[in-house]
Amino acid sequence: MRDRNTNGSEEPGQTVGAPLDLNLLRTFLTVYRTGSFTAAARLLGLSQPTVTTQIRTLERQLGRELFERRARGVTPAPYADELAARIVQPLDSLAMVAGPAGGAEDAPAEPVHLAGPAELLSRCVLPGLAPLVDKGVRLRITPGLTEPLLDDLRAGRHDLVIATFRPRGRTLTAVPLNDEEFVLVASPTWAQRLGAPASVAAALHGVPLVAYADDLPIVRRYWRHVFGRRLVRQPAVTMPDLNAVKAAVAGGAGFTVLPRYLCVEELRSGTLVLLHEPDDPPLNTSFLVQRPGTSGIPHVALVRDHLLQTARDW
């Protein structure tokens, strides 16, 4: 069945309601997840011209552009996000029943797409995944902020996301992973200059603040939880990388608030100094969120269970 334009004639190239070839949809989803015709061709065991032809065929059947071609890879067009969200779960479920594409039982398992905060991935997650890699698990790691990563998870681009908050709604399964404690730190030089003030919050009024962002998300939370007041000030330095924030503070740029896991070694060596040790430090729970339709995929389950076990020691 074809769409009709306003004068009743058929609109060429736009197929509505007609069944689409599963192979075309599978190719589309692989390109969508990898962001590259070349990478998709490699995973599917096809030539790159074949993948290009299949995507063009699907675009012609739908009457819509699915990808914007870039110098390096492709970017999904708006309709591609909608299509991926609609087909990802049934296609993944079908793949679990059918087994490897083409019936090759010895074909390598699909990579597990894992995403989360860059600092947590590099400091805690990746060092602990080596035993799984040794078992043949392939990983595709993506760092980023929780909200866009969850959007990509819903669209099928990731299998697992480590989120800094529990996602709203019932469409995603999330389980608590670990609690990270926030600590107030500075360099030894600044700690010596401050001494042991009666009020740490007041003493820090004249000390430069180094932060992750201008809106001070981590520092504001610490101030509200520990000191019971709102922090109103401008940071001297901002950098959307907690490792860079840590390096600046260790170098003497000022003070900041960091997750304890990120600065355990610096606190132990004295490169950073705790400025305050509250009886009730602020904690943030991270969650492991799994894409629907992946529960029966062995390597996804293996990575999930491994993370839940090892997170106790982070």
Protein backbone atom coordinates (compact mmCIF):
# COMPACT_ATOMS: atom_id res chain seq x y z
CA MET A 1 0.00 0.00 0.00
CA ARG A 2 1.30 3.47 -0.90
CA ASP A 3 0.66 6.91 0.55
CA ARG A 4 -1.47 9.18 -1.55
CA ASN A 5 -0.83 12.87 -1.95
CA THR A 6 -3.46 15.55 -1.61
CA ASN A 7 -4.87 15.00 -5.11
CA GLY A 8 -5.28 11.27 -4.56
CA SER A 9 -2.30 10.01 -6.55
CA GLU A 10 0.25 7.66 -5.07
CA GLU A 11 3.37 9.13 -3.49
CA PRO A 12 6.32 7.29 -5.06
CA GLY A 13 8.85 5.60 -2.80
CA GLN A 14 6.84 5.65 0.45
CA THR A 15 5.60 2.25 1.52
CA VAL A 16 3.18 2.23 4.44
CA GLY A 17 2.12 -0.94 6.17
CA ALA A 18 3.99 -3.26 3.79
CA PRO A 19 6.22 -5.88 5.46
CA LEU A 20 9.89 -4.94 5.51
CA ASP A 21 12.72 -7.40 4.88
CA LEU A 22 14.18 -8.57 8.19
CA ASN A 23 17.65 -8.62 6.66
CA LEU A 24 17.33 -4.93 5.80
CA LEU A 25 16.18 -4.13 9.32
CA ARG A 26 19.02 -6.18 10.81
CA THR A 27 21.52 -4.31 8.65
CA PHE A 28 19.96 -0.99 9.63
CA LEU A 29 20.19 -1.80 13.35
CA THR A 30 23.84 -2.85 13.03
CA VAL A 31 24.74 0.37 11.22
CA TYR A 32 22.77 2.33 13.82
CA ARG A 33 24.66 0.73 16.68
CA THR A 34 28.14 0.94 15.15
CA GLY A 35 27.78 4.32 13.45
CA SER A 36 29.62 2.99 10.41
CA PHE A 37 28.79 1.09 7.23
CA THR A 38 32.27 -0.45 7.31
CA ALA A 39 31.99 -1.66 10.90
CA ALA A 40 28.48 -2.99 10.26
CA ALA A 41 29.68 -4.87 7.18
CA ARG A 42 32.44 -6.49 9.22
CA LEU A 43 30.00 -7.62 11.94
CA LEU A 44 27.46 -8.91 9.43
CA GLY A 45 29.99 -10.67 7.20
CA LEU A 46 28.95 -8.56 4.20
CA SER A 47 30.79 -6.23 1.87
CA GLN A 48 30.49 -2.52 2.51
CA PRO A 49 28.78 -1.90 -0.89
CA THR A 50 26.18 -4.52 0.05
CA VAL A 51 25.45 -2.75 3.34
CA THR A 52 25.19 0.57 1.52
CA THR A 53 22.80 -0.92 -1.02
CA GLN A 54 20.63 -2.47 1.69
CA ILE A 55 20.36 0.81 3.59
CA ARG A 56 19.47 2.69 0.41
CA THR A 57 16.83 0.06 -0.37
CA LEU A 58 15.32 0.44 3.09
CA GLU A 59 15.37 4.23 2.81
CA ARG A 60 13.64 3.98 -0.54
CA GLN A 61 10.95 1.68 0.87
CA LEU A 62 10.36 3.96 3.84
CA GLY A 63 10.61 7.16 1.85
CA ARG A 64 12.87 8.61 4.53
CA GLU A 65 16.56 9.22 5.01
CA LEU A 66 17.96 7.09 7.84
CA PHE A 67 21.57 8.26 8.05
CA GLU A 68 23.54 11.39 7.31
CA ARG A 69 26.82 10.45 5.67
CA ARG A 70 29.87 11.98 7.35
CA ALA A 71 33.59 11.96 6.58
CA ARG A 72 33.94 9.32 9.30
CA GLY A 73 30.93 7.07 9.67
CA VAL A 74 27.29 8.06 9.69
CA THR A 75 24.92 9.93 12.02
CA PRO A 76 21.33 8.70 12.52
CA ALA A 77 18.67 10.96 11.04
CA PRO A 78 15.73 11.73 13.39
CA TYR A 79 13.52 8.95 11.98
CA ALA A 80 16.30 6.40 12.56
CA ASP A 81 16.00 6.87 16.33
CA GLU A 82 12.28 6.16 16.15
CA LEU A 83 12.73 3.11 13.92
CA ALA A 84 15.51 1.68 16.10
CA ALA A 85 13.39 2.04 19.23
CA ARG A 86 10.55 0.13 17.55
CA ILE A 87 12.56 -2.81 16.19
CA VAL A 88 15.43 -3.33 18.64
CA GLN A 89 13.65 -5.59 21.12
CA PRO A 90 11.89 -7.90 18.62
CA LEU A 91 15.03 -8.20 16.46
CA ASP A 92 17.25 -8.96 19.45
CA SER A 93 14.75 -11.52 20.72
CA LEU A 94 14.65 -13.13 17.29
CA ALA A 95 18.46 -13.22 17.17
CA MET A 96 18.54 -15.05 20.50
CA VAL A 97 16.25 -17.76 19.09
CA ALA A 98 17.85 -17.98 15.66
CA GLY A 99 21.46 -17.92 16.85
CA PRO A 100 24.37 -16.38 14.90
CA ALA A 101 23.58 -14.80 11.57
CA GLY A 102 23.96 -17.11 8.64
CA GLY A 103 23.82 -20.18 10.86
CA ALA A 104 27.54 -20.12 11.63
CA GLU A 105 27.71 -21.59 15.10
CA ASP A 106 31.37 -20.69 15.46
CA ALA A 107 30.76 -17.02 14.61
CA PRO A 108 32.01 -14.69 17.36
CA ALA A 109 29.40 -13.40 19.79
CA GLU A 110 28.23 -9.83 19.34
CA PRO A 111 30.17 -7.26 21.40
CA VAL A 112 28.61 -6.13 24.66
CA HIS A 113 28.01 -2.37 24.55
CA LEU A 114 28.68 -0.90 28.00
CA ALA A 115 28.45 2.80 28.86
CA GLY A 116 28.82 4.99 31.94
CA PRO A 117 30.74 7.85 33.58
CA ALA A 118 34.25 8.11 32.13
CA GLU A 119 36.00 8.26 35.50
CA LEU A 120 34.18 5.25 36.95
CA LEU A 121 34.77 3.25 33.79
CA SER A 122 38.49 3.94 33.71
CA ARG A 123 39.17 3.69 37.45
CA CYS A 124 36.93 0.83 38.56
CA VAL A 125 35.13 -0.93 35.72
CA LEU A 126 37.69 -1.60 32.99
CA PRO A 127 40.47 -2.98 35.23
CA GLY A 128 38.03 -5.59 36.53
CA LEU A 129 36.80 -6.77 33.15
CA ALA A 130 40.06 -8.38 32.05
CA PRO A 131 38.94 -11.92 33.09
CA LEU A 132 35.90 -11.63 30.82
CA VAL A 133 37.98 -10.51 27.86
CA ASP A 134 40.18 -13.55 28.46
CA LYS A 135 37.02 -15.68 28.16
CA GLY A 136 36.25 -14.25 24.74
CA VAL A 137 33.86 -11.44 25.68
CA ARG A 138 34.16 -8.49 23.32
CA LEU A 139 33.40 -5.05 24.75
CA ARG A 140 32.50 -1.69 23.26
CA ILE A 141 32.86 0.99 25.93
CA THR A 142 31.25 4.43 25.70
CA PRO A 143 31.82 7.19 28.29
CA GLY A 144 29.26 9.90 28.80
CA LEU A 145 26.58 11.54 30.92
CA THR A 146 23.68 9.46 32.21
CA GLU A 147 20.72 11.07 30.45
CA PRO A 148 22.02 10.80 26.86
CA LEU A 149 23.40 7.34 27.57
CA LEU A 150 19.97 6.17 28.75
CA ASP A 151 18.41 7.64 25.60
CA ASP A 152 20.91 5.63 23.55
CA LEU A 153 20.13 2.52 25.63
CA ARG A 154 16.42 2.86 24.84
CA ALA A 155 17.32 3.21 21.16
CA GLY A 156 19.37 0.01 21.28
CA ARG A 157 22.88 1.46 21.05
CA HIS A 158 23.99 0.09 24.43
CA ASP A 159 23.30 -3.13 26.30
CA LEU A 160 24.25 -1.93 29.78
CA VAL A 161 24.57 1.57 31.24
CA ILE A 162 25.99 2.53 34.61
CA ALA A 163 23.72 5.42 35.59
CA THR A 164 24.26 8.03 38.29
CA PHE A 165 20.52 7.96 39.09
CA ARG A 166 17.66 5.48 38.76
CA PRO A 167 15.87 6.00 35.45
CA ARG A 168 12.23 7.02 35.68
CA GLY A 169 9.47 4.82 34.32
CA ARG A 170 9.13 1.06 34.00
CA THR A 171 10.63 0.50 30.58
CA LEU A 172 14.18 -0.01 31.86
CA THR A 173 15.39 -2.48 34.49
CA ALA A 174 17.77 -0.87 36.99
CA VAL A 175 19.46 -2.42 40.03
CA PRO A 176 21.65 -0.63 42.59
CA LEU A 177 25.32 -1.11 41.77
CA ASN A 178 27.35 0.74 44.40
CA ASP A 179 27.41 3.80 46.66
CA GLU A 180 30.06 6.43 46.07
CA GLU A 181 31.05 8.76 48.90
CA PHE A 182 31.90 12.39 48.21
CA VAL A 183 34.87 14.00 49.96
CA LEU A 184 36.03 17.61 50.36
CA VAL A 185 39.70 17.88 49.40
CA ALA A 186 42.54 20.29 48.70
CA SER A 187 46.32 20.20 48.31
CA PRO A 188 48.53 19.95 51.42
CA THR A 189 49.54 23.60 50.93
CA TRP A 190 45.98 24.85 51.16
CA ALA A 191 45.22 22.48 54.04
CA GLN A 192 48.13 23.93 56.03
CA ARG A 193 47.02 27.49 55.30
CA LEU A 194 43.52 26.74 56.54
CA GLY A 195 44.68 25.00 59.72
CA ALA A 196 41.82 23.71 61.87
CA PRO A 197 39.09 26.33 61.57
CA ALA A 198 35.94 26.25 63.66
CA SER A 199 33.91 26.43 60.46
CA VAL A 200 35.32 24.76 57.36
CA ALA A 201 32.61 26.26 55.16
CA ALA A 202 33.48 29.79 56.32
CA ALA A 203 37.24 29.20 56.03
CA LEU A 204 36.89 28.13 52.41
CA HIS A 205 35.19 31.38 51.44
CA GLY A 206 38.44 32.86 50.13
CA VAL A 207 39.88 29.67 48.61
CA PRO A 208 39.49 29.15 44.82
CA LEU A 209 36.95 26.51 43.88
CA VAL A 210 37.67 23.95 41.13
CA ALA A 211 34.56 22.29 39.75
CA TYR A 212 33.20 19.93 37.13
CA ALA A 213 30.79 22.56 35.76
CA ASP A 214 29.64 26.12 36.41
CA ASP A 215 26.47 24.95 38.17
CA LEU A 216 28.60 23.03 40.70
CA PRO A 217 26.49 19.81 40.73
CA ILE A 218 28.72 17.78 43.07
CA VAL A 219 29.90 20.64 45.31
CA ARG A 220 26.39 22.06 45.79
CA ARG A 221 25.12 18.68 46.87
CA TYR A 222 27.95 18.31 49.38
CA TRP A 223 27.30 21.78 50.85
CA ARG A 224 23.58 21.19 51.20
CA HIS A 225 24.00 17.74 52.78
CA VAL A 226 26.94 18.46 55.11
CA PHE A 227 26.63 22.16 55.96
CA GLY A 228 22.89 22.52 55.51
CA ARG A 229 23.17 25.60 53.35
CA ARG A 230 23.18 26.63 49.73
CA LEU A 231 26.56 27.32 48.15
CA VAL A 232 26.57 30.54 46.15
CA ARG A 233 29.87 31.28 44.43
CA GLN A 234 31.63 31.17 41.08
CA PRO A 235 34.28 28.52 40.43
CA ALA A 236 37.79 29.65 39.58
CA VAL A 237 38.34 26.66 37.27
CA THR A 238 35.87 24.35 35.55
CA MET A 239 36.61 21.20 33.59
CA PRO A 240 34.07 18.48 32.65
CA ASP A 241 36.54 15.76 33.61
CA LEU A 242 36.90 14.76 37.25
CA ASN A 243 40.42 13.47 36.69
CA ALA A 244 41.40 16.93 35.41
CA VAL A 245 39.66 18.54 38.40
CA LYS A 246 41.62 16.26 40.71
CA ALA A 247 44.91 17.11 38.97
CA ALA A 248 44.24 20.86 39.23
CA VAL A 249 43.45 20.63 42.95
CA ALA A 250 46.48 18.41 43.64
CA GLY A 251 48.57 21.06 41.90
CA GLY A 252 47.33 23.72 44.31
CA ALA A 253 44.57 25.42 42.28
CA GLY A 254 42.07 25.32 45.15
CA PHE A 255 39.56 22.92 46.68
CA THR A 256 36.86 20.64 45.30
CA VAL A 257 34.56 17.71 46.06
CA LEU A 258 35.33 14.34 44.47
CA PRO A 259 34.10 10.76 44.70
CA ARG A 260 36.30 8.96 47.19
CA TYR A 261 37.06 6.09 44.78
CA LEU A 262 38.72 8.56 42.44
CA CYS A 263 41.21 9.90 44.97
CA VAL A 264 41.95 6.99 47.33
CA GLU A 265 45.60 6.78 46.25
CA GLU A 266 46.12 10.56 46.45
CA LEU A 267 44.65 10.67 49.95
CA ARG A 268 46.86 7.78 50.99
CA SER A 269 50.01 9.38 49.59
CA GLY A 270 49.19 12.86 50.87
CA THR A 271 48.90 14.45 47.43
CA LEU A 272 45.38 15.43 48.49
CA VAL A 273 44.15 16.13 52.01
CA LEU A 274 40.67 15.71 53.48
CA LEU A 275 39.40 19.07 54.69
CA HIS A 276 36.37 17.71 56.52
CA GLU A 277 35.18 14.31 57.75
CA PRO A 278 31.44 14.54 58.46
CA ASP A 279 29.67 11.86 60.48
CA ASP A 280 27.16 11.50 57.65
CA PRO A 281 29.00 11.96 54.36
CA PRO A 282 26.92 12.42 51.21
CA LEU A 283 26.51 9.28 49.13
CA ASN A 284 25.32 8.75 45.59
CA THR A 285 23.99 5.39 44.42
CA SER A 286 24.82 4.31 40.90
CA PHE A 287 22.58 1.86 39.05
CA LEU A 288 23.21 -0.79 36.44
CA VAL A 289 20.58 -0.43 33.73
CA GLN A 290 19.99 -3.16 31.16
CA ARG A 291 18.42 -2.82 27.75
CA PRO A 292 15.14 -4.73 27.34
CA GLY A 293 15.47 -7.92 25.34
CA THR A 294 19.06 -8.71 26.36
CA SER A 295 18.45 -10.86 29.45
CA GLY A 296 19.04 -14.08 27.53
CA ILE A 297 22.18 -12.96 25.71
CA PRO A 298 24.98 -14.90 27.47
CA HIS A 299 27.78 -12.33 27.27
CA VAL A 300 25.52 -9.47 28.36
CA ALA A 301 24.44 -11.53 31.36
CA LEU A 302 28.09 -12.40 32.07
CA VAL A 303 29.15 -8.74 32.11
CA ARG A 304 26.12 -7.74 34.18
CA ASP A 305 26.72 -10.39 36.85
CA HIS A 306 30.45 -9.62 36.93
CA LEU A 307 29.81 -5.92 37.50
CA LEU A 308 27.30 -6.59 40.27
CA GLN A 309 29.84 -8.80 42.03
CA THR A 310 32.95 -6.66 41.63
CA ALA A 311 31.21 -3.36 42.42
CA ARG A 312 31.23 -4.35 46.10
CA ASP A 313 34.99 -3.71 46.17
CA TRP A 314 35.06 -0.39 44.31
